[in-house]
Every structure is written in structure tokens, then in C-alpha cells.
Amino acid sequence: MKTQTFVKVDGREYCVSTVELPFVHIGGGFETMVFPARNGKVTGYGELFCDRYKTASEAAVGHKATVAALEEGRLQLYTHE
């Protein structure tokens, strides 16, 4: 599984990426992360959000929920200071 969705919010672009991990991490074998982007390309790999899932179906639902929360301004993004 590898899904990417690019989202523009308040003049900024983000990539929501959900992948199957090569080995099971604490929290599951699938991961959704949000990265900064520009013109449909990731511009940095300091993640702004991360969540893990045990199954592919949970990950698919989580990906859609992350995109919706980001678009609606409800997603709390990490800051890297």
C-alpha cells in the first residue's frame, strides 16, 4: 500500500502519505504521515503528523480522515523549532 494525497490549506501545500512499513513498528504495520510540499512534490521529510495502523483497511480510513482533518483545519501539525 502506498497512497499520496496533496492538499493545499491557507496557501501551503502538504503531502499526506500512507505506506505499509517494511516491518511492524509499535502501533502497527501501516503509517500515515504529513510532509511539507510544493507543486505536487515533497519538499522535506521532517514529518508534521504521524499515525500508525494495524491493518490496510484501518490505514485507508486513517488516510482519508487525515486528509479531511487537514483540509478542515482540525489537524494539529507538529512544529520543528
PDB file of N, CA and C in Angstrom:
ATOM      1  N   MET A   1       0.844  -1.185   0.000  1.00  0.00           N
ATOM      2  CA  MET A   1       0.000   0.000   0.000  1.00  0.00           C
ATOM      3  C   MET A   1       0.883   1.241   0.000  1.00  0.00           C
ATOM      4  N   LYS A   2       0.593   2.147  -0.906  1.00  0.00           N
ATOM      5  CA  LYS A   2       1.239   3.457  -0.922  1.00  0.00           C
ATOM      6  C   LYS A   2       0.242   4.437  -1.513  1.00  0.00           C
ATOM      7  N   THR A   3      -0.186   5.384  -0.701  1.00  0.00           N
ATOM      8  CA  THR A   3      -1.164   6.371  -1.136  1.00  0.00           C
ATOM      9  C   THR A   3      -0.641   7.757  -0.792  1.00  0.00           C
ATOM     10  N   GLN A   4      -0.697   8.666  -1.750  1.00  0.00           N
ATOM     11  CA  GLN A   4      -0.311  10.050  -1.507  1.00  0.00           C
ATOM     12  C   GLN A   4      -1.432  10.968  -1.973  1.00  0.00           C
ATOM     13  N   THR A   5      -1.729  11.959  -1.138  1.00  0.00           N
ATOM     14  CA  THR A   5      -2.715  12.977  -1.485  1.00  0.00           C
ATOM     15  C   THR A   5      -2.099  14.334  -1.166  1.00  0.00           C
ATOM     16  N   PHE A   6      -2.102  15.233  -2.154  1.00  0.00           N
ATOM     17  CA  PHE A   6      -1.581  16.576  -1.934  1.00  0.00           C
ATOM     18  C   PHE A   6      -2.739  17.509  -1.624  1.00  0.00           C
ATOM     19  N   VAL A   7      -2.559  18.310  -0.566  1.00  0.00           N
ATOM     20  CA  VAL A   7      -3.620  19.168  -0.047  1.00  0.00           C
ATOM     21  C   VAL A   7      -3.087  20.588   0.105  1.00  0.00           C
ATOM     22  N   LYS A   8      -3.858  21.578  -0.342  1.00  0.00           N
ATOM     23  CA  LYS A   8      -3.492  22.983  -0.130  1.00  0.00           C
ATOM     24  C   LYS A   8      -4.400  23.572   0.935  1.00  0.00           C
ATOM     25  N   VAL A   9      -3.779  24.193   1.938  1.00  0.00           N
ATOM     26  CA  VAL A   9      -4.507  24.801   3.044  1.00  0.00           C
ATOM     27  C   VAL A   9      -3.859  26.141   3.367  1.00  0.00           C
ATOM     28  N   ASP A  10      -4.631  27.207   3.323  1.00  0.00           N
ATOM     29  CA  ASP A  10      -4.127  28.541   3.677  1.00  0.00           C
ATOM     30  C   ASP A  10      -2.835  28.891   2.949  1.00  0.00           C
ATOM     31  N   GLY A  11      -2.772  28.599   1.665  1.00  0.00           N
ATOM     32  CA  GLY A  11      -1.614  28.947   0.858  1.00  0.00           C
ATOM     33  C   GLY A  11      -0.422  28.020   1.011  1.00  0.00           C
ATOM     34  N   ARG A  12      -0.541  26.970   1.806  1.00  0.00           N
ATOM     35  CA  ARG A  12       0.539  25.994   1.980  1.00  0.00           C
ATOM     36  C   ARG A  12       0.106  24.652   1.415  1.00  0.00           C
ATOM     37  N   GLU A  13       1.071  23.923   0.901  1.00  0.00           N
ATOM     38  CA  GLU A  13       0.779  22.611   0.338  1.00  0.00           C
ATOM     39  C   GLU A  13       1.402  21.522   1.213  1.00  0.00           C
ATOM     40  N   TYR A  14       0.669  20.418   1.347  1.00  0.00           N
ATOM     41  CA  TYR A  14       1.113  19.294   2.158  1.00  0.00           C
ATOM     42  C   TYR A  14       0.909  17.999   1.387  1.00  0.00           C
ATOM     43  N   CYS A  15       1.705  17.004   1.713  1.00  0.00           N
ATOM     44  CA  CYS A  15       1.535  15.658   1.189  1.00  0.00           C
ATOM     45  C   CYS A  15       1.122  14.749   2.338  1.00  0.00           C
ATOM     46  N   VAL A  16      -0.031  14.108   2.197  1.00  0.00           N
ATOM     47  CA  VAL A  16      -0.460  13.085   3.149  1.00  0.00           C
ATOM     48  C   VAL A  16      -0.071  11.753   2.520  1.00  0.00           C
ATOM     49  N   SER A  17       0.809  11.027   3.186  1.00  0.00           N
ATOM     50  CA  SER A  17       1.369   9.792   2.647  1.00  0.00           C
ATOM     51  C   SER A  17       1.069   8.624   3.583  1.00  0.00           C
ATOM     52  N   THR A  18       0.489   7.561   3.035  1.00  0.00           N
ATOM     53  CA  THR A  18       0.219   6.354   3.812  1.00  0.00           C
ATOM     54  C   THR A  18       0.921   5.189   3.135  1.00  0.00           C
ATOM     55  N   VAL A  19       1.722   4.467   3.911  1.00  0.00           N
ATOM     56  CA  VAL A  19       2.514   3.355   3.375  1.00  0.00           C
ATOM     57  C   VAL A  19       2.451   2.145   4.304  1.00  0.00           C
ATOM     58  N   GLU A  20       2.745   0.986   3.717  1.00  0.00           N
ATOM     59  CA  GLU A  20       2.945  -0.218   4.512  1.00  0.00           C
ATOM     60  C   GLU A  20       4.412  -0.223   4.925  1.00  0.00           C
ATOM     61  N   LEU A  21       4.655  -0.362   6.211  1.00  0.00           N
ATOM     62  CA  LEU A  21       6.021  -0.342   6.720  1.00  0.00           C
ATOM     63  C   LEU A  21       6.709  -1.679   6.434  1.00  0.00           C
ATOM     64  N   PRO A  22       8.028  -1.668   6.225  1.00  0.00           N
ATOM     65  CA  PRO A  22       8.733  -2.908   5.902  1.00  0.00           C
ATOM     66  C   PRO A  22       8.795  -3.888   7.073  1.00  0.00           C
ATOM     67  N   PHE A  23       8.581  -3.396   8.277  1.00  0.00           N
ATOM     68  CA  PHE A  23       8.492  -4.251   9.456  1.00  0.00           C
ATOM     69  C   PHE A  23       7.539  -3.578  10.433  1.00  0.00           C
ATOM     70  N   VAL A  24       6.962  -4.346  11.325  1.00  0.00           N
ATOM     71  CA  VAL A  24       5.937  -3.821  12.225  1.00  0.00           C
ATOM     72  C   VAL A  24       6.578  -2.972  13.317  1.00  0.00           C
ATOM     73  N   HIS A  25       6.176  -1.711  13.368  1.00  0.00           N
ATOM     74  CA  HIS A  25       6.593  -0.788  14.411  1.00  0.00           C
ATOM     75  C   HIS A  25       5.588  -0.871  15.549  1.00  0.00           C
ATOM     76  N   ILE A  26       5.932  -0.263  16.669  1.00  0.00           N
ATOM     77  CA  ILE A  26       4.954  -0.148  17.746  1.00  0.00           C
ATOM     78  C   ILE A  26       3.758   0.616  17.187  1.00  0.00           C
ATOM     79  N   GLY A  27       2.592   0.070  17.306  1.00  0.00           N
ATOM     80  CA  GLY A  27       1.385   0.734  16.821  1.00  0.00           C
ATOM     81  C   GLY A  27       0.880   0.191  15.504  1.00  0.00           C
ATOM     82  N   GLY A  28       1.687  -0.592  14.795  1.00  0.00           N
ATOM     83  CA  GLY A  28       1.162  -1.194  13.578  1.00  0.00           C
ATOM     84  C   GLY A  28       2.119  -1.262  12.426  1.00  0.00           C
ATOM     85  N   GLY A  29       1.623  -1.866  11.333  1.00  0.00           N
ATOM     86  CA  GLY A  29       2.434  -2.078  10.146  1.00  0.00           C
ATOM     87  C   GLY A  29       2.151  -1.102   9.026  1.00  0.00           C
ATOM     88  N   PHE A  30       1.317  -0.090   9.280  1.00  0.00           N
ATOM     89  CA  PHE A  30       0.989   0.934   8.294  1.00  0.00           C
ATOM     90  C   PHE A  30       1.117   2.294   8.953  1.00  0.00           C
ATOM     91  N   GLU A  31       1.472   3.297   8.149  1.00  0.00           N
ATOM     92  CA  GLU A  31       1.745   4.616   8.727  1.00  0.00           C
ATOM     93  C   GLU A  31       1.258   5.718   7.794  1.00  0.00           C
ATOM     94  N   THR A  32       0.597   6.708   8.371  1.00  0.00           N
ATOM     95  CA  THR A  32       0.227   7.927   7.644  1.00  0.00           C
ATOM     96  C   THR A  32       1.042   9.070   8.210  1.00  0.00           C
ATOM     97  N   MET A  33       1.696   9.807   7.307  1.00  0.00           N
ATOM     98  CA  MET A  33       2.488  10.967   7.710  1.00  0.00           C
ATOM     99  C   MET A  33       2.110  12.150   6.822  1.00  0.00           C
ATOM    100  N   VAL A  34       2.335  13.352   7.353  1.00  0.00           N
ATOM    101  CA  VAL A  34       2.120  14.585   6.590  1.00  0.00           C
ATOM    102  C   VAL A  34       3.467  15.281   6.453  1.00  0.00           C
ATOM    103  N   PHE A  35       3.787  15.667   5.221  1.00  0.00           N
ATOM    104  CA  PHE A  35       5.046  16.348   4.913  1.00  0.00           C
ATOM    105  C   PHE A  35       4.762  17.671   4.196  1.00  0.00           C
ATOM    106  N   PRO A  36       5.678  18.635   4.300  1.00  0.00           N
ATOM    107  CA  PRO A  36       5.528  19.854   3.510  1.00  0.00           C
ATOM    108  C   PRO A  36       5.728  19.524   2.029  1.00  0.00           C
ATOM    109  N   ALA A  37       5.045  20.272   1.161  1.00  0.00           N
ATOM    110  CA  ALA A  37       5.141  20.020  -0.277  1.00  0.00           C
ATOM    111  C   ALA A  37       5.025  21.322  -1.054  1.00  0.00           C
ATOM    112  N   ARG A  38       5.400  21.231  -2.331  1.00  0.00           N
ATOM    113  CA  ARG A  38       5.234  22.361  -3.257  1.00  0.00           C
ATOM    114  C   ARG A  38       5.112  21.791  -4.661  1.00  0.00           C
ATOM    115  N   ASN A  39       4.115  22.249  -5.378  1.00  0.00           N
ATOM    116  CA  ASN A  39       3.885  21.838  -6.763  1.00  0.00           C
ATOM    117  C   ASN A  39       3.813  20.317  -6.913  1.00  0.00           C
ATOM    118  N   GLY A  40       3.156  19.652  -5.971  1.00  0.00           N
ATOM    119  CA  GLY A  40       2.960  18.214  -6.066  1.00  0.00           C
ATOM    120  C   GLY A  40       4.169  17.372  -5.727  1.00  0.00           C
ATOM    121  N   LYS A  41       5.149  17.969  -5.033  1.00  0.00           N
ATOM    122  CA  LYS A  41       6.345  17.226  -4.634  1.00  0.00           C
ATOM    123  C   LYS A  41       6.682  17.521  -3.183  1.00  0.00           C
ATOM    124  N   VAL A  42       7.100  16.490  -2.461  1.00  0.00           N
ATOM    125  CA  VAL A  42       7.514  16.658  -1.067  1.00  0.00           C
ATOM    126  C   VAL A  42       8.783  17.496  -1.031  1.00  0.00           C
ATOM    127  N   THR A  43       8.817  18.490  -0.131  1.00  0.00           N
ATOM    128  CA  THR A  43       9.982  19.381  -0.048  1.00  0.00           C
ATOM    129  C   THR A  43      10.837  19.138   1.195  1.00  0.00           C
ATOM    130  N   GLY A  44      10.383  18.278   2.084  1.00  0.00           N
ATOM    131  CA  GLY A  44      11.152  17.975   3.290  1.00  0.00           C
ATOM    132  C   GLY A  44      10.570  16.760   3.978  1.00  0.00           C
ATOM    133  N   TYR A  45      11.414  16.027   4.681  1.00  0.00           N
ATOM    134  CA  TYR A  45      10.960  14.793   5.319  1.00  0.00           C
ATOM    135  C   TYR A  45      10.889  14.890   6.835  1.00  0.00           C
ATOM    136  N   GLY A  46      10.841  16.112   7.367  1.00  0.00           N
ATOM    137  CA  GLY A  46      10.539  16.297   8.775  1.00  0.00           C
ATOM    138  C   GLY A  46       9.028  16.237   8.901  1.00  0.00           C
ATOM    139  N   GLU A  47       8.507  15.100   9.353  1.00  0.00           N
ATOM    140  CA  GLU A  47       7.057  14.914   9.329  1.00  0.00           C
ATOM    141  C   GLU A  47       6.356  15.922  10.221  1.00  0.00           C
ATOM    142  N   LEU A  48       5.162  16.295   9.789  1.00  0.00           N
ATOM    143  CA  LEU A  48       4.331  17.256  10.509  1.00  0.00           C
ATOM    144  C   LEU A  48       3.197  16.568  11.260  1.00  0.00           C
ATOM    145  N   PHE A  49       3.025  15.266  10.996  1.00  0.00           N
ATOM    146  CA  PHE A  49       1.994  14.453  11.650  1.00  0.00           C
ATOM    147  C   PHE A  49       2.320  12.997  11.367  1.00  0.00           C
ATOM    148  N   CYS A  50       1.982  12.115  12.306  1.00  0.00           N
ATOM    149  CA  CYS A  50       2.194  10.684  12.099  1.00  0.00           C
ATOM    150  C   CYS A  50       1.157   9.893  12.886  1.00  0.00           C
ATOM    151  N   ASP A  51       0.623   8.851  12.263  1.00  0.00           N
ATOM    152  CA  ASP A  51      -0.267   7.922  12.943  1.00  0.00           C
ATOM    153  C   ASP A  51      -0.025   6.538  12.352  1.00  0.00           C
ATOM    154  N   ARG A  52      -0.194   5.499  13.170  1.00  0.00           N
ATOM    155  CA  ARG A  52       0.046   4.125  12.724  1.00  0.00           C
ATOM    156  C   ARG A  52      -1.206   3.278  12.878  1.00  0.00           C
ATOM    157  N   TYR A  53      -1.277   2.251  12.022  1.00  0.00           N
ATOM    158  CA  TYR A  53      -2.444   1.382  11.974  1.00  0.00           C
ATOM    159  C   TYR A  53      -2.001  -0.075  11.867  1.00  0.00           C
ATOM    160  N   LYS A  54      -2.853  -0.970  12.313  1.00  0.00           N
ATOM    161  CA  LYS A  54      -2.532  -2.402  12.282  1.00  0.00           C
ATOM    162  C   LYS A  54      -2.891  -3.050  10.950  1.00  0.00           C
ATOM    163  N   THR A  55      -3.936  -2.569  10.285  1.00  0.00           N
ATOM    164  CA  THR A  55      -4.392  -3.207   9.045  1.00  0.00           C
ATOM    165  C   THR A  55      -4.449  -2.202   7.893  1.00  0.00           C
ATOM    166  N   ALA A  56      -4.468  -2.749   6.681  1.00  0.00           N
ATOM    167  CA  ALA A  56      -4.569  -1.895   5.492  1.00  0.00           C
ATOM    168  C   ALA A  56      -5.896  -1.143   5.466  1.00  0.00           C
ATOM    169  N   SER A  57      -6.975  -1.782   5.898  1.00  0.00           N
ATOM    170  CA  SER A  57      -8.274  -1.092   5.878  1.00  0.00           C
ATOM    171  C   SER A  57      -8.302   0.047   6.896  1.00  0.00           C
ATOM    172  N   GLU A  58      -7.694  -0.157   8.070  1.00  0.00           N
ATOM    173  CA  GLU A  58      -7.595   0.936   9.048  1.00  0.00           C
ATOM    174  C   GLU A  58      -6.761   2.075   8.478  1.00  0.00           C
ATOM    175  N   ALA A  59      -5.683   1.727   7.775  1.00  0.00           N
ATOM    176  CA  ALA A  59      -4.805   2.745   7.192  1.00  0.00           C
ATOM    177  C   ALA A  59      -5.535   3.549   6.115  1.00  0.00           C
ATOM    178  N   ALA A  60      -6.350   2.889   5.301  1.00  0.00           N
ATOM    179  CA  ALA A  60      -7.110   3.588   4.254  1.00  0.00           C
ATOM    180  C   ALA A  60      -8.098   4.574   4.870  1.00  0.00           C
ATOM    181  N   VAL A  61      -8.780   4.146   5.920  1.00  0.00           N
ATOM    182  CA  VAL A  61      -9.713   5.030   6.623  1.00  0.00           C
ATOM    183  C   VAL A  61      -8.950   6.178   7.284  1.00  0.00           C
ATOM    184  N   GLY A  62      -7.812   5.859   7.904  1.00  0.00           N
ATOM    185  CA  GLY A  62      -6.991   6.876   8.564  1.00  0.00           C
ATOM    186  C   GLY A  62      -6.447   7.903   7.589  1.00  0.00           C
ATOM    187  N   HIS A  63      -6.063   7.456   6.391  1.00  0.00           N
ATOM    188  CA  HIS A  63      -5.569   8.374   5.359  1.00  0.00           C
ATOM    189  C   HIS A  63      -6.662   9.378   4.994  1.00  0.00           C
ATOM    190  N   LYS A  64      -7.859   8.882   4.709  1.00  0.00           N
ATOM    191  CA  LYS A  64      -8.973   9.771   4.336  1.00  0.00           C
ATOM    192  C   LYS A  64      -9.317  10.726   5.481  1.00  0.00           C
ATOM    193  N   ALA A  65      -9.280  10.221   6.717  1.00  0.00           N
ATOM    194  CA  ALA A  65      -9.584  11.073   7.866  1.00  0.00           C
ATOM    195  C   ALA A  65      -8.525  12.149   8.059  1.00  0.00           C
ATOM    196  N   THR A  66      -7.264  11.803   7.804  1.00  0.00           N
ATOM    197  CA  THR A  66      -6.174  12.778   7.930  1.00  0.00           C
ATOM    198  C   THR A  66      -6.317  13.871   6.882  1.00  0.00           C
ATOM    199  N   VAL A  67      -6.625  13.486   5.644  1.00  0.00           N
ATOM    200  CA  VAL A  67      -6.837  14.473   4.571  1.00  0.00           C
ATOM    201  C   VAL A  67      -7.984  15.405   4.943  1.00  0.00           C
ATOM    202  N   ALA A  68      -9.090  14.842   5.403  1.00  0.00           N
ATOM    203  CA  ALA A  68     -10.255  15.665   5.760  1.00  0.00           C
ATOM    204  C   ALA A  68      -9.932  16.612   6.906  1.00  0.00           C
ATOM    205  N   ALA A  69      -9.264  16.117   7.937  1.00  0.00           N
ATOM    206  CA  ALA A  69      -8.916  16.957   9.091  1.00  0.00           C
ATOM    207  C   ALA A  69      -7.974  18.081   8.678  1.00  0.00           C
ATOM    208  N   LEU A  70      -7.028  17.794   7.784  1.00  0.00           N
ATOM    209  CA  LEU A  70      -6.100  18.811   7.297  1.00  0.00           C
ATOM    210  C   LEU A  70      -6.849  19.874   6.499  1.00  0.00           C
ATOM    211  N   GLU A  71      -7.718  19.446   5.592  1.00  0.00           N
ATOM    212  CA  GLU A  71      -8.493  20.382   4.770  1.00  0.00           C
ATOM    213  C   GLU A  71      -9.409  21.262   5.620  1.00  0.00           C
ATOM    214  N   GLU A  72      -9.925  20.702   6.703  1.00  0.00           N
ATOM    215  CA  GLU A  72     -10.861  21.431   7.570  1.00  0.00           C
ATOM    216  C   GLU A  72     -10.166  22.209   8.682  1.00  0.00           C
ATOM    217  N   GLY A  73      -8.831  22.139   8.743  1.00  0.00           N
ATOM    218  CA  GLY A  73      -8.081  22.876   9.759  1.00  0.00           C
ATOM    219  C   GLY A  73      -8.150  22.269  11.151  1.00  0.00           C
ATOM    220  N   ARG A  74      -8.529  20.991  11.235  1.00  0.00           N
ATOM    221  CA  ARG A  74      -8.649  20.323  12.537  1.00  0.00           C
ATOM    222  C   ARG A  74      -7.412  19.505  12.913  1.00  0.00           C
ATOM    223  N   LEU A  75      -6.464  19.340  11.991  1.00  0.00           N
ATOM    224  CA  LEU A  75      -5.297  18.501  12.253  1.00  0.00           C
ATOM    225  C   LEU A  75      -4.209  19.315  12.950  1.00  0.00           C
ATOM    226  N   GLN A  76      -3.794  18.854  14.107  1.00  0.00           N
ATOM    227  CA  GLN A  76      -2.732  19.514  14.860  1.00  0.00           C
ATOM    228  C   GLN A  76      -1.391  19.072  14.294  1.00  0.00           C
ATOM    229  N   LEU A  77      -0.718  19.967  13.566  1.00  0.00           N
ATOM    230  CA  LEU A  77       0.570  19.638  12.960  1.00  0.00           C
ATOM    231  C   LEU A  77       1.697  19.872  13.951  1.00  0.00           C
ATOM    232  N   TYR A  78       2.745  19.049  13.838  1.00  0.00           N
ATOM    233  CA  TYR A  78       3.939  19.221  14.679  1.00  0.00           C
ATOM    234  C   TYR A  78       4.679  20.469  14.230  1.00  0.00           C
ATOM    235  N   THR A  79       5.385  21.070  15.162  1.00  0.00           N
ATOM    236  CA  THR A  79       6.292  22.175  14.814  1.00  0.00           C
ATOM    237  C   THR A  79       7.712  21.690  15.051  1.00  0.00           C
ATOM    238  N   HIS A  80       8.611  22.108  14.190  1.00  0.00           N
ATOM    239  CA  HIS A  80      10.030  21.739  14.318  1.00  0.00           C
ATOM    240  C   HIS A  80      10.816  23.016  14.591  1.00  0.00           C
ATOM    241  N   GLU A  81      10.990  23.299  15.856  1.00  0.00           N
ATOM    242  CA  GLU A  81      11.710  24.543  16.209  1.00  0.00           C
ATOM    243  C   GLU A  81      13.035  24.212  16.824  1.00  0.00           C
TER     244      GLU A  81
END
